[in-house]
Amino acid sequence: MSQRVFKSASALSLTLTLALLLTSGFVTTANSDANPRSYADGGANPRSYADGDASPRSQADGDASPRSQADGERQLQSLEQSERGVVTTVPAAKRMGTTVPAAKRMGTTVPAAKERDEATATLLPSPTATSPPPTTTPVPPTATPTAIPPAPPPVYVPPSDAPALLTASDVCTDTHGQVSIHHFYSERLRRRMRYRVYLPPCYEKAGRLFPVLYMFHGLNYGDSQWDTLGLDEWVDASIAAGEIPPLIIVMPNGWGIDREPDGGPGSFEEWIVDELLPHVEKSYCAWDAREGRAVGGLSRGAFWALEVAFRHPELFASVGGHSPAVFWDNALPQYNPYYLADDAPDLESLRIHLDVGEGDWLVKWVARFRERLDERGLAYTFSTAPGDHGYAYWHSQIAAYVDFYTAIWPSDWRELPRPTDCVAHPDAPNCRHGLGLGRPCDRALP
C-alpha cells in the first residue's frame, strides 16, 4: 500500500514540474524572435542585423566601396606607378558603438511664428477751443462757399485666395517630420524591397506636392545609414526655421544587391527607375516632374547615384556624389559613370556636385573622374574638407549636402505645385498611371 502511495506522489510531482517548465517558457517557441518567416515579413535576414544596416562582413570604420581598398590601390598603381594610396583609420559607425554627434540645431526648439498684436486705438475728446475776445473792428462779409461733393467710399480689395504658406509654422504647429519604413515586392528583383521615407512637417495639411530627394547608402549598409548620420534631424530643424524648402527624402535599402553587377535587368538601377519612382509618386505627395527630383549617395551609393542620373538625366535635376567610389573597371562602360562622363547625352542639363575628404583613399580616383568631366566641359561643383572615408566626415557635410539639393526648390510653400484633381482630369499624365488617388494632398484639394 505504501509503495502505491509513493508512486502516485512521484507521478504527481513529475506532472507539476513539467507544467511549471511549460508555463515559464523553457519549452515554448511561439514567441521566439528568431522566426524563420521574419525575413519575408520585413524582419531580419539571418545574414544581417534587424534593420538591414550592416552585415557581418561590413567594415567597422564605415568604408563603403564596391571593392576592397587594396584592390582600388592596385588598380590605381597600374595606371600611374608613381602614386600610392593612403589608408587612414576612420571612426566606427554609430551602430558599431560610437555615438555620432548630433546635427547642428538637433533637439533645439524652433521659435514659433511671431504673434500678431492688434493695436487698439483709443479715441480721446478734442480739447475745447477758447473763443477770442470780442473786437470792435468790423469784419468784412465773406463769400458763400461752394458745395463740395462727398468723397467716394474706398474700394474694397478682397484678400488673395492663396493661403499664407510661407513656412511650416504658417501651415500647422508641427515642428518635426516623420520617418517610417515600408516594403513592396519587386518584380524586377524577385524579392521584397524595403525603403525608409522622411515626410516633412505639415505634410498632410499643406495640399501641395513636395520635391523628392533619393539618397543611397554605402557598401554593406542599408536604408538606415543616412538616418544614422542625422540627415532627417538637420532637415527638420532647417524646414522649421524657414531656411530650406520642405521635401521628401527616400532612402532605399540596397543591402544584398550592392555587390551585384551594375545596370541591366535585375539591377539596382532598374529597380529605382522602373519601380521605386512610380511607387513613391503613387503613394506620396511627390512632385512628379524632373525639376522636383534629385538623387545622391555616398561611396558605393554615390556610384549608383551617378549611374542612375547619368543614364536618366530626363528624370533628375540634380545628382550628388559624396566620396564617390568611381573606378574605371567596376562596371561595364555603358553603366559606369567613369565612361558615361565621356559621351552620355544631355549631361549638361544636370546639376552635379562632388566631394571627398582630404584623407580619403579615394581622393586620386575622384580627381581622375573630375578630369573626365573637365575634358567634356561639364559644369559641376566640388568641395573637400578634413576627414577620411567614414561617418565623421559625412556627418560634418550634411548641411552642405542639403543646401546643394534644395537650392533650386522654392522655399515659399505657395510656390510648390498643387496636385492634379484626377477625378476631374482623369487623362492628366500622372492620373493615367494611377497617381493622385487617395494621397493626403489629394484629399486637401479645394
Protein backbone atom coordinates (compact mmCIF):
# COMPACT_ATOMS: atom_id res chain seq x y z
CA MET A 1 0.00 0.00 0.00
CA SER A 2 2.76 2.42 0.94
CA GLN A 3 4.55 1.68 -2.34
CA ARG A 4 1.43 2.60 -4.37
CA VAL A 5 1.08 5.88 -2.47
CA PHE A 6 4.75 6.68 -3.09
CA LYS A 7 4.45 6.03 -6.83
CA SER A 8 1.33 8.21 -7.07
CA ALA A 9 3.09 11.05 -5.30
CA SER A 10 6.09 10.75 -7.62
CA ALA A 11 3.90 10.92 -10.73
CA LEU A 12 2.06 13.95 -9.37
CA SER A 13 5.38 15.67 -8.65
CA LEU A 14 6.66 14.97 -12.18
CA THR A 15 3.44 16.35 -13.70
CA LEU A 16 3.69 19.56 -11.67
CA THR A 17 7.34 20.01 -12.67
CA LEU A 18 6.55 19.70 -16.38
CA ALA A 19 3.68 22.17 -16.04
CA LEU A 20 5.98 24.71 -14.38
CA LEU A 21 8.54 24.32 -17.16
CA LEU A 22 5.94 24.83 -19.85
CA THR A 23 4.47 27.95 -18.27
CA SER A 24 7.91 29.51 -17.65
CA GLY A 25 8.75 29.48 -21.37
CA PHE A 26 11.56 26.88 -21.33
CA VAL A 27 9.69 24.67 -23.78
CA THR A 28 7.85 27.25 -25.90
CA THR A 29 8.81 28.63 -29.28
CA ALA A 30 5.63 30.56 -30.03
CA ASN A 31 7.18 33.90 -29.07
CA SER A 32 10.66 33.24 -30.36
CA ASP A 33 12.30 36.25 -32.01
CA ALA A 34 14.07 34.03 -34.50
CA ASN A 35 11.06 33.24 -36.63
CA PRO A 36 12.27 31.76 -39.92
CA ARG A 37 9.48 33.69 -41.68
CA SER A 38 10.56 37.05 -40.29
CA TYR A 39 12.75 37.96 -43.28
CA ALA A 40 9.89 37.52 -45.73
CA ASP A 41 7.75 39.73 -43.50
CA GLY A 42 10.28 42.52 -43.48
CA GLY A 43 12.26 41.40 -40.46
CA ALA A 44 15.86 40.39 -40.16
CA ASN A 45 17.65 38.30 -42.70
CA PRO A 46 19.64 35.62 -40.86
CA ARG A 47 22.68 37.16 -42.58
CA SER A 48 22.03 40.69 -41.37
CA TYR A 49 21.02 42.80 -38.43
CA ALA A 50 17.37 43.56 -37.82
CA ASP A 51 17.48 46.91 -39.55
CA GLY A 52 19.42 45.66 -42.55
CA ASP A 53 22.04 48.30 -41.93
CA ALA A 54 25.20 46.29 -41.64
CA SER A 55 26.22 42.75 -42.42
CA PRO A 56 28.79 40.63 -40.58
CA ARG A 57 31.20 41.47 -43.38
CA SER A 58 30.79 45.25 -43.01
CA GLN A 59 33.80 47.32 -42.05
CA ALA A 60 33.73 48.92 -38.62
CA ASP A 61 35.25 52.12 -39.92
CA GLY A 62 32.34 52.94 -42.18
CA ASP A 63 34.04 52.32 -45.53
CA ALA A 64 31.56 51.60 -48.28
CA SER A 65 33.04 50.96 -51.71
CA PRO A 66 32.26 48.36 -54.42
CA ARG A 67 35.64 46.71 -53.91
CA SER A 68 38.31 46.46 -51.24
CA GLN A 69 40.69 49.34 -50.67
CA ALA A 70 43.66 47.18 -51.62
CA ASP A 71 42.10 46.33 -54.99
CA GLY A 72 41.47 50.00 -55.65
CA GLU A 73 45.05 50.90 -54.86
CA ARG A 74 46.41 48.16 -57.10
CA GLN A 75 44.31 49.46 -59.99
CA LEU A 76 45.48 52.98 -59.37
CA GLN A 77 49.11 51.85 -59.31
CA SER A 78 48.63 50.07 -62.63
CA LEU A 79 47.55 53.40 -64.16
CA GLU A 80 50.22 55.51 -62.51
CA GLN A 81 53.10 53.65 -60.86
CA SER A 82 54.39 56.68 -59.06
CA GLU A 83 51.25 57.19 -56.97
CA ARG A 84 50.43 55.38 -53.75
CA GLY A 85 47.11 55.41 -51.90
CA VAL A 86 46.90 56.33 -48.24
CA VAL A 87 44.97 54.11 -45.87
CA THR A 88 43.51 56.07 -43.00
CA THR A 89 41.75 54.66 -39.97
CA VAL A 90 38.27 56.09 -39.78
CA PRO A 91 35.85 56.26 -36.86
CA ALA A 92 33.36 53.49 -36.32
CA ALA A 93 29.77 53.87 -37.41
CA LYS A 94 27.24 54.92 -34.85
CA ARG A 95 25.70 51.47 -34.68
CA MET A 96 29.17 49.94 -34.18
CA GLY A 97 29.43 51.50 -30.75
CA THR A 98 30.46 55.10 -31.42
CA THR A 99 27.99 57.87 -30.83
CA VAL A 100 27.65 60.15 -33.83
CA PRO A 101 27.45 63.78 -32.74
CA ALA A 102 24.05 65.35 -33.06
CA ALA A 103 23.31 67.53 -36.06
CA LYS A 104 23.50 71.28 -35.69
CA ARG A 105 20.34 72.58 -34.07
CA MET A 106 19.28 68.98 -33.37
CA GLY A 107 16.98 68.98 -30.38
CA THR A 108 16.59 72.73 -30.14
CA THR A 109 13.19 74.31 -30.01
CA VAL A 110 12.31 76.25 -33.10
CA PRO A 111 10.72 79.59 -32.18
CA ALA A 112 7.06 79.85 -33.03
CA ALA A 113 5.71 82.37 -35.53
CA LYS A 114 5.63 85.96 -34.25
CA GLU A 115 2.37 86.89 -32.61
CA ARG A 116 0.36 89.42 -34.45
CA ASP A 117 -0.65 92.02 -31.86
CA GLU A 118 -3.52 94.24 -32.77
CA ALA A 119 -3.06 97.82 -31.77
CA THR A 120 -6.09 99.34 -30.06
CA ALA A 121 -6.70 102.98 -30.88
CA THR A 122 -8.39 104.99 -28.09
CA LEU A 123 -10.41 107.99 -29.19
CA LEU A 124 -9.96 110.92 -26.84
CA PRO A 125 -12.24 114.02 -26.86
CA SER A 126 -10.78 117.08 -28.59
CA PRO A 127 -9.86 119.96 -26.31
CA THR A 128 -12.47 122.72 -26.13
CA ALA A 129 -11.46 125.80 -28.16
CA THR A 130 -11.48 129.13 -26.31
CA SER A 131 -13.39 131.91 -28.13
CA PRO A 132 -11.33 135.04 -28.87
CA PRO A 133 -12.33 138.23 -27.09
CA PRO A 134 -14.81 140.39 -29.00
CA THR A 135 -13.38 143.10 -31.20
CA THR A 136 -14.85 146.36 -32.38
CA THR A 137 -13.21 146.13 -35.79
CA PRO A 138 -15.91 145.30 -38.34
CA VAL A 139 -15.43 142.03 -40.20
CA PRO A 140 -15.98 142.20 -43.96
CA PRO A 141 -18.61 139.81 -45.31
CA THR A 142 -17.37 136.50 -46.65
CA ALA A 143 -18.41 134.77 -49.84
CA THR A 144 -20.67 131.76 -49.64
CA PRO A 145 -18.51 128.58 -50.03
CA THR A 146 -19.10 126.28 -52.99
CA ALA A 147 -20.56 122.93 -52.06
CA ILE A 148 -18.01 120.07 -52.41
CA PRO A 149 -19.40 116.61 -53.24
CA PRO A 150 -18.55 113.90 -50.69
CA ALA A 151 -15.56 111.68 -51.41
CA PRO A 152 -16.44 108.27 -52.85
CA PRO A 153 -16.13 105.36 -50.39
CA PRO A 154 -12.88 103.34 -50.58
CA VAL A 155 -12.90 100.44 -52.99
CA TYR A 156 -12.88 97.07 -51.22
CA VAL A 157 -9.97 94.88 -52.31
CA PRO A 158 -10.59 91.20 -51.41
CA PRO A 159 -7.68 89.30 -49.88
CA SER A 160 -5.65 86.92 -52.02
CA ASP A 161 -7.02 83.40 -52.40
CA ALA A 162 -3.55 81.91 -51.82
CA PRO A 163 -3.04 80.76 -48.22
CA ALA A 164 -0.05 82.14 -46.36
CA LEU A 165 2.20 79.09 -46.72
CA LEU A 166 5.46 80.90 -46.20
CA THR A 167 6.95 78.38 -43.76
CA ALA A 168 5.87 75.29 -41.86
CA SER A 169 4.80 77.43 -38.88
CA ASP A 170 2.26 79.20 -41.10
CA VAL A 171 0.72 75.87 -42.10
CA CYS A 172 0.47 73.94 -38.85
CA THR A 173 2.03 73.56 -35.42
CA ASP A 174 4.16 70.53 -36.37
CA THR A 175 7.88 71.01 -35.79
CA HIS A 176 9.08 67.54 -36.77
CA GLY A 177 8.62 65.32 -39.77
CA GLN A 178 8.07 61.58 -39.74
CA VAL A 179 10.39 58.70 -40.66
CA SER A 180 8.85 55.32 -41.48
CA ILE A 181 9.87 52.04 -43.11
CA HIS A 182 7.93 50.35 -45.90
CA HIS A 183 8.18 47.30 -48.19
CA PHE A 184 6.86 46.26 -51.55
CA TYR A 185 7.53 43.32 -53.80
CA SER A 186 9.86 44.00 -56.74
CA GLU A 187 9.00 42.18 -59.94
CA ARG A 188 12.40 43.14 -61.34
CA LEU A 189 14.42 41.76 -58.43
CA ARG A 190 12.02 38.97 -57.43
CA ARG A 191 12.14 39.89 -53.76
CA ARG A 192 10.62 42.19 -51.18
CA MET A 193 12.43 45.51 -51.14
CA ARG A 194 12.50 47.99 -48.30
CA TYR A 195 12.87 51.74 -48.18
CA ARG A 196 12.83 54.41 -45.49
CA VAL A 197 10.97 57.67 -46.11
CA TYR A 198 11.08 61.05 -44.40
CA LEU A 199 7.95 63.22 -44.69
CA PRO A 200 8.26 66.92 -43.76
CA PRO A 201 6.26 68.74 -41.07
CA CYS A 202 2.69 69.61 -42.10
CA TYR A 203 2.88 67.00 -44.87
CA GLU A 204 -0.81 66.11 -44.66
CA LYS A 205 -2.06 69.67 -44.21
CA ALA A 206 -0.33 71.61 -46.98
CA GLY A 207 -2.20 70.28 -50.02
CA ARG A 208 1.00 70.57 -52.06
CA LEU A 209 3.43 68.32 -53.93
CA PHE A 210 6.88 68.17 -52.33
CA PRO A 211 10.25 67.73 -54.08
CA VAL A 212 11.84 64.33 -53.52
CA LEU A 213 15.47 63.53 -52.70
CA TYR A 214 16.61 59.92 -53.21
CA MET A 215 19.68 59.10 -51.07
CA PHE A 216 21.64 55.84 -51.49
CA HIS A 217 23.75 54.17 -48.79
CA GLY A 218 27.26 52.71 -48.98
CA LEU A 219 28.51 49.16 -49.35
CA ASN A 220 27.42 46.71 -46.62
CA TYR A 221 24.97 49.22 -45.14
CA GLY A 222 21.25 49.78 -45.53
CA ASP A 223 18.44 52.29 -45.54
CA SER A 224 19.23 53.50 -42.01
CA GLN A 225 22.69 54.89 -42.84
CA TRP A 226 21.56 58.41 -43.76
CA ASP A 227 19.17 58.37 -40.80
CA THR A 228 22.10 57.47 -38.54
CA LEU A 229 24.13 60.35 -39.97
CA GLY A 230 21.41 62.79 -38.83
CA LEU A 231 20.03 63.79 -42.23
CA ASP A 232 16.39 63.91 -41.13
CA GLU A 233 17.15 65.85 -37.91
CA TRP A 234 19.03 68.50 -39.85
CA VAL A 235 16.28 68.80 -42.45
CA ASP A 236 13.62 69.01 -39.71
CA ALA A 237 15.31 71.94 -37.99
CA SER A 238 16.08 73.74 -41.26
CA ILE A 239 12.48 73.46 -42.53
CA ALA A 240 11.07 74.70 -39.23
CA ALA A 241 13.47 77.67 -39.32
CA GLY A 242 12.40 78.51 -42.87
CA GLU A 243 15.94 78.02 -44.20
CA ILE A 244 15.16 75.30 -46.75
CA PRO A 245 12.02 74.22 -48.59
CA PRO A 246 10.06 71.21 -47.37
CA LEU A 247 10.99 67.96 -49.07
CA ILE A 248 10.50 64.21 -49.02
CA ILE A 249 13.59 62.00 -48.58
CA VAL A 250 13.54 58.39 -49.81
CA MET A 251 16.33 56.09 -48.58
CA PRO A 252 16.11 52.72 -50.36
CA ASN A 253 17.71 49.58 -48.96
CA GLY A 254 20.14 48.04 -51.45
CA TRP A 255 21.81 45.70 -48.99
CA GLY A 256 22.21 42.28 -50.58
CA ILE A 257 22.48 43.59 -54.13
CA ASP A 258 25.25 46.12 -53.53
CA ARG A 259 27.89 43.66 -54.77
CA GLU A 260 25.96 42.56 -57.83
CA PRO A 261 26.71 43.90 -61.32
CA ASP A 262 25.51 47.37 -62.18
CA GLY A 263 22.92 48.11 -64.83
CA GLY A 264 20.79 45.88 -66.95
CA PRO A 265 17.93 43.54 -65.98
CA GLY A 266 17.62 42.83 -62.28
CA SER A 267 19.90 45.69 -61.26
CA PHE A 268 19.57 48.35 -58.59
CA GLU A 269 19.23 50.97 -61.33
CA GLU A 270 16.31 49.14 -62.92
CA TRP A 271 14.54 48.84 -59.56
CA ILE A 272 14.95 52.55 -58.83
CA VAL A 273 13.82 53.81 -62.23
CA ASP A 274 11.11 51.30 -63.13
CA GLU A 275 9.60 50.52 -59.75
CA LEU A 276 10.62 52.74 -56.83
CA LEU A 277 9.99 56.11 -58.52
CA PRO A 278 6.49 55.17 -59.72
CA HIS A 279 5.72 53.64 -56.33
CA VAL A 280 6.78 56.80 -54.46
CA GLU A 281 4.87 59.12 -56.77
CA LYS A 282 1.76 56.95 -56.47
CA SER A 283 1.93 56.67 -52.69
CA TYR A 284 3.09 60.12 -51.57
CA CYS A 285 2.52 63.79 -52.34
CA ALA A 286 5.64 63.78 -54.52
CA TRP A 287 6.48 66.40 -57.14
CA ASP A 288 6.31 64.11 -60.15
CA ALA A 289 8.49 66.08 -62.55
CA ARG A 290 12.20 66.26 -63.36
CA GLU A 291 12.68 69.60 -61.61
CA GLY A 292 11.22 68.10 -58.43
CA ARG A 293 13.64 65.15 -58.18
CA ALA A 294 17.25 64.82 -57.00
CA VAL A 295 19.44 61.80 -56.33
CA GLY A 296 22.62 61.33 -54.31
CA GLY A 297 24.65 58.80 -52.38
CA LEU A 298 27.87 58.12 -50.53
CA SER A 299 30.69 55.80 -51.64
CA ARG A 300 29.02 52.79 -53.30
CA GLY A 301 25.76 54.72 -53.21
CA ALA A 302 27.46 57.65 -54.96
CA PHE A 303 28.36 55.31 -57.84
CA TRP A 304 24.70 54.25 -58.02
CA ALA A 305 23.50 57.87 -57.94
CA LEU A 306 25.84 58.95 -60.74
CA GLU A 307 24.95 55.87 -62.78
CA VAL A 308 21.20 56.47 -62.44
CA ALA A 309 21.42 60.22 -63.12
CA PHE A 310 23.91 59.98 -66.00
CA ARG A 311 21.78 57.33 -67.70
CA HIS A 312 18.48 59.10 -66.97
CA PRO A 313 19.07 62.86 -66.93
CA GLU A 314 15.48 63.31 -68.06
CA LEU A 315 14.32 62.12 -64.62
CA PHE A 316 16.53 64.14 -62.26
CA ALA A 317 17.56 67.78 -61.99
CA SER A 318 20.47 67.24 -59.58
CA VAL A 319 22.92 64.49 -58.61
CA GLY A 320 25.44 64.35 -55.78
CA GLY A 321 28.43 62.02 -55.46
CA HIS A 322 29.76 62.06 -51.89
CA SER A 323 33.10 60.24 -51.59
CA PRO A 324 32.21 58.50 -54.87
CA ALA A 325 33.73 55.06 -55.47
CA VAL A 326 34.06 55.53 -59.22
CA PHE A 327 36.60 53.10 -60.66
CA TRP A 328 37.42 52.55 -64.29
CA ASP A 329 36.61 48.82 -64.33
CA ASN A 330 33.93 48.13 -61.71
CA ALA A 331 31.08 48.06 -64.27
CA LEU A 332 30.57 47.77 -68.00
CA PRO A 333 31.22 51.07 -69.77
CA GLN A 334 27.54 51.61 -70.59
CA TYR A 335 26.73 51.58 -66.85
CA ASN A 336 29.91 53.14 -65.45
CA PRO A 337 29.85 56.90 -64.71
CA TYR A 338 33.61 56.95 -65.33
CA TYR A 339 32.89 56.36 -69.03
CA LEU A 340 29.38 57.81 -69.19
CA ALA A 341 31.03 61.17 -68.47
CA ASP A 342 32.54 61.00 -71.97
CA ASP A 343 29.51 60.63 -74.18
CA ALA A 344 26.24 60.12 -72.29
CA PRO A 345 23.67 62.52 -73.76
CA ASP A 346 22.19 65.57 -72.03
CA LEU A 347 24.52 65.61 -69.02
CA GLU A 348 24.81 69.37 -69.49
CA SER A 349 21.29 69.68 -68.05
CA LEU A 350 22.30 68.11 -64.72
CA ARG A 351 23.42 69.94 -61.60
CA ILE A 352 26.41 67.89 -60.39
CA HIS A 353 28.19 68.06 -57.05
CA LEU A 354 31.21 66.00 -55.93
CA ASP A 355 33.08 65.98 -52.64
CA VAL A 356 35.67 63.86 -50.84
CA GLY A 357 37.58 64.04 -47.57
CA GLU A 358 41.18 65.21 -47.71
CA GLY A 359 42.38 61.94 -46.16
CA ASP A 360 40.09 59.64 -48.14
CA TRP A 361 41.81 56.81 -50.00
CA LEU A 362 39.54 57.64 -52.97
CA VAL A 363 40.99 61.15 -53.45
CA LYS A 364 43.00 60.22 -56.54
CA TRP A 365 40.11 58.31 -58.11
CA VAL A 366 37.83 61.30 -57.61
CA ALA A 367 40.49 63.51 -59.21
CA ARG A 368 40.61 61.24 -62.28
CA PHE A 369 36.81 61.30 -62.55
CA ARG A 370 36.83 65.10 -62.37
CA GLU A 371 39.39 65.20 -65.19
CA ARG A 372 36.95 63.36 -67.43
CA LEU A 373 34.19 65.83 -66.56
CA ASP A 374 36.58 68.70 -67.32
CA GLU A 375 37.58 67.20 -70.66
CA ARG A 376 33.95 67.21 -71.74
CA GLY A 377 33.40 70.69 -70.35
CA LEU A 378 30.66 69.66 -67.92
CA ALA A 379 29.83 72.13 -65.16
CA TYR A 380 29.93 70.81 -61.60
CA THR A 381 30.77 71.91 -58.08
CA PHE A 382 33.45 70.26 -55.97
CA SER A 383 34.39 70.55 -52.32
CA THR A 384 36.81 68.91 -49.93
CA ALA A 385 37.31 69.13 -46.19
CA PRO A 386 39.35 67.45 -43.46
CA GLY A 387 38.29 63.86 -42.99
CA ASP A 388 38.52 60.41 -44.47
CA HIS A 389 36.16 57.73 -45.77
CA GLY A 390 33.86 57.47 -42.77
CA TYR A 391 30.94 58.68 -40.72
CA ALA A 392 32.69 61.65 -39.11
CA TYR A 393 33.37 63.26 -42.48
CA TRP A 394 29.92 62.58 -43.98
CA HIS A 395 28.18 63.85 -40.85
CA SER A 396 30.18 67.07 -41.00
CA GLN A 397 28.99 67.68 -44.56
CA ILE A 398 25.23 67.13 -44.05
CA ALA A 399 24.46 70.87 -44.15
CA ALA A 400 26.37 71.34 -47.41
CA TYR A 401 24.63 68.35 -48.99
CA VAL A 402 21.18 69.62 -48.07
CA ASP A 403 21.97 73.14 -49.30
CA PHE A 404 23.06 71.78 -52.69
CA TYR A 405 19.97 69.65 -53.29
CA THR A 406 17.40 72.20 -52.09
CA ALA A 407 18.93 75.30 -53.74
CA ILE A 408 16.63 75.16 -56.79
CA TRP A 409 13.39 74.37 -54.93
CA PRO A 410 11.03 77.12 -53.71
CA SER A 411 11.13 77.91 -50.01
CA ASP A 412 7.75 79.65 -50.20
CA TRP A 413 5.18 76.91 -49.76
CA ARG A 414 2.74 78.83 -52.00
CA GLU A 415 5.06 78.19 -54.94
CA LEU A 416 5.01 74.40 -54.59
CA PRO A 417 2.84 72.72 -57.22
CA ARG A 418 -0.66 71.59 -56.42
CA PRO A 419 -1.73 68.03 -57.17
CA THR A 420 -3.87 67.32 -60.18
CA ASP A 421 -7.52 66.60 -59.48
CA CYS A 422 -7.62 63.16 -61.08
CA VAL A 423 -11.36 62.86 -60.64
CA ALA A 424 -11.92 65.95 -62.75
CA HIS A 425 -8.94 65.31 -65.06
CA PRO A 426 -8.51 61.54 -65.42
CA ASP A 427 -6.41 61.96 -68.59
CA ALA A 428 -3.70 64.05 -66.91
CA PRO A 429 -0.24 62.41 -67.22
CA ASN A 430 0.07 61.41 -63.58
CA CYS A 431 -3.56 60.28 -63.36
CA ARG A 432 -3.15 57.87 -66.29
CA HIS A 433 -0.60 55.98 -64.19
CA GLY A 434 -2.91 55.67 -61.21
CA LEU A 435 -1.37 58.54 -59.27
CA GLY A 436 -3.23 61.23 -57.41
CA LEU A 437 -5.86 58.98 -55.85
CA GLY A 438 -6.09 58.78 -52.10
CA ARG A 439 -2.98 60.75 -51.11
CA PRO A 440 -3.29 63.36 -48.33
CA CYS A 441 -2.56 66.14 -50.81
CA ASP A 442 -5.47 64.97 -52.98
CA ARG A 443 -7.87 64.98 -50.05
CA ALA A 444 -6.83 68.59 -49.41
CA LEU A 445 -7.78 69.76 -52.90
CA PRO A 446 -10.08 72.83 -52.73
